[in-house]
Amino acid sequence: MKKLLIAIALTAFLSGTAFASSCPMHVKKIDDALATSTASEEVKAQAKALRDEGQALHDSGDHANSMAKLAEAEALLGIAQ
């Protein structure tokens, strides 16, 4: 039982670390898309706001919500996830 709990804890820790490190890659994808997008200025402004919110959430350690906001921005810009 003790080994199972240790394995679960390690899995949670390692997956959280991997998840956290993907936020900056998504921010970069959004930044690149914003620079070349033909979307309306309104859509780009919405995507940038979501990107900024996602970055702030990442910086505060809330990676799950960060990824959700970044996914919304990517969807607005038509970026495949």
Protein backbone atom coordinates (compact mmCIF):
# COMPACT_ATOMS: atom_id res chain seq x y z
CA MET A 1 0.00 0.00 0.00
CA LYS A 2 2.84 2.36 0.84
CA LYS A 3 4.48 1.74 -2.55
CA LEU A 4 1.18 2.46 -4.30
CA LEU A 5 0.81 5.79 -2.51
CA ILE A 6 4.39 6.75 -3.37
CA ALA A 7 3.81 5.81 -7.03
CA ILE A 8 0.63 7.90 -7.15
CA ALA A 9 2.37 10.87 -5.54
CA LEU A 10 5.30 10.67 -7.96
CA THR A 11 2.98 10.38 -10.95
CA ALA A 12 0.99 13.42 -9.83
CA PHE A 13 4.15 15.44 -9.24
CA LEU A 14 5.76 14.52 -12.56
CA SER A 15 2.62 15.05 -14.62
CA GLY A 16 2.09 18.44 -12.97
CA THR A 17 5.63 19.46 -13.85
CA ALA A 18 5.24 18.34 -17.46
CA PHE A 19 1.87 20.09 -17.68
CA ALA A 20 3.33 23.32 -16.32
CA SER A 21 6.15 23.38 -18.83
CA SER A 22 3.75 23.20 -21.77
CA CYS A 23 2.15 26.58 -20.99
CA PRO A 24 5.04 28.64 -22.44
CA MET A 25 4.94 26.59 -25.66
CA HIS A 26 1.27 27.42 -26.09
CA VAL A 27 1.91 31.10 -25.35
CA LYS A 28 4.55 31.14 -28.09
CA LYS A 29 2.18 29.44 -30.55
CA ILE A 30 -0.43 32.11 -29.81
CA ASP A 31 2.10 34.94 -30.15
CA ASP A 32 3.25 33.58 -33.51
CA ALA A 33 -0.34 33.23 -34.71
CA LEU A 34 -1.24 36.75 -33.57
CA ALA A 35 1.66 38.14 -35.59
CA THR A 36 0.47 36.51 -38.83
CA SER A 37 -3.28 36.14 -38.30
CA THR A 38 -5.79 37.54 -40.76
CA ALA A 39 -8.51 37.45 -38.09
CA SER A 40 -10.38 40.63 -37.25
CA GLU A 41 -8.84 43.02 -34.75
CA GLU A 42 -11.66 42.16 -32.34
CA VAL A 43 -10.85 38.43 -32.48
CA LYS A 44 -7.13 39.13 -32.11
CA ALA A 45 -7.83 41.36 -29.09
CA GLN A 46 -9.93 38.62 -27.48
CA ALA A 47 -7.23 36.03 -28.16
CA LYS A 48 -4.53 38.32 -26.74
CA ALA A 49 -6.60 38.92 -23.60
CA LEU A 50 -7.03 35.16 -23.12
CA ARG A 51 -3.31 34.66 -23.79
CA ASP A 52 -2.42 37.29 -21.18
CA GLU A 53 -4.79 35.73 -18.67
CA GLY A 54 -3.31 32.29 -19.37
CA GLN A 55 0.22 33.65 -18.88
CA ALA A 56 -0.77 35.27 -15.58
CA LEU A 57 -2.36 32.02 -14.37
CA HIS A 58 0.79 30.11 -15.36
CA ASP A 59 2.96 32.61 -13.51
CA SER A 60 0.82 32.16 -10.38
CA GLY A 61 1.12 28.37 -10.58
CA ASP A 62 -2.44 27.64 -11.76
CA HIS A 63 -1.46 25.54 -14.76
CA ALA A 64 -4.78 23.78 -15.33
CA ASN A 65 -6.68 27.05 -15.69
CA SER A 66 -3.79 28.53 -17.65
CA MET A 67 -4.07 25.74 -20.21
CA ALA A 68 -7.84 26.24 -20.42
CA LYS A 69 -7.44 29.95 -21.21
CA LEU A 70 -4.65 29.28 -23.70
CA ALA A 71 -6.81 26.65 -25.40
CA GLU A 72 -9.60 29.22 -25.76
CA ALA A 73 -7.16 31.66 -27.38
CA GLU A 74 -5.89 28.96 -29.73
CA ALA A 75 -9.45 28.06 -30.72
CA LEU A 76 -10.22 31.69 -31.54
CA LEU A 77 -7.16 31.85 -33.77
CA GLY A 78 -7.83 28.46 -35.38
CA ILE A 79 -4.65 26.90 -34.04
CA ALA A 80 -4.67 23.12 -33.92
CA GLN A 81 -3.95 21.85 -30.43
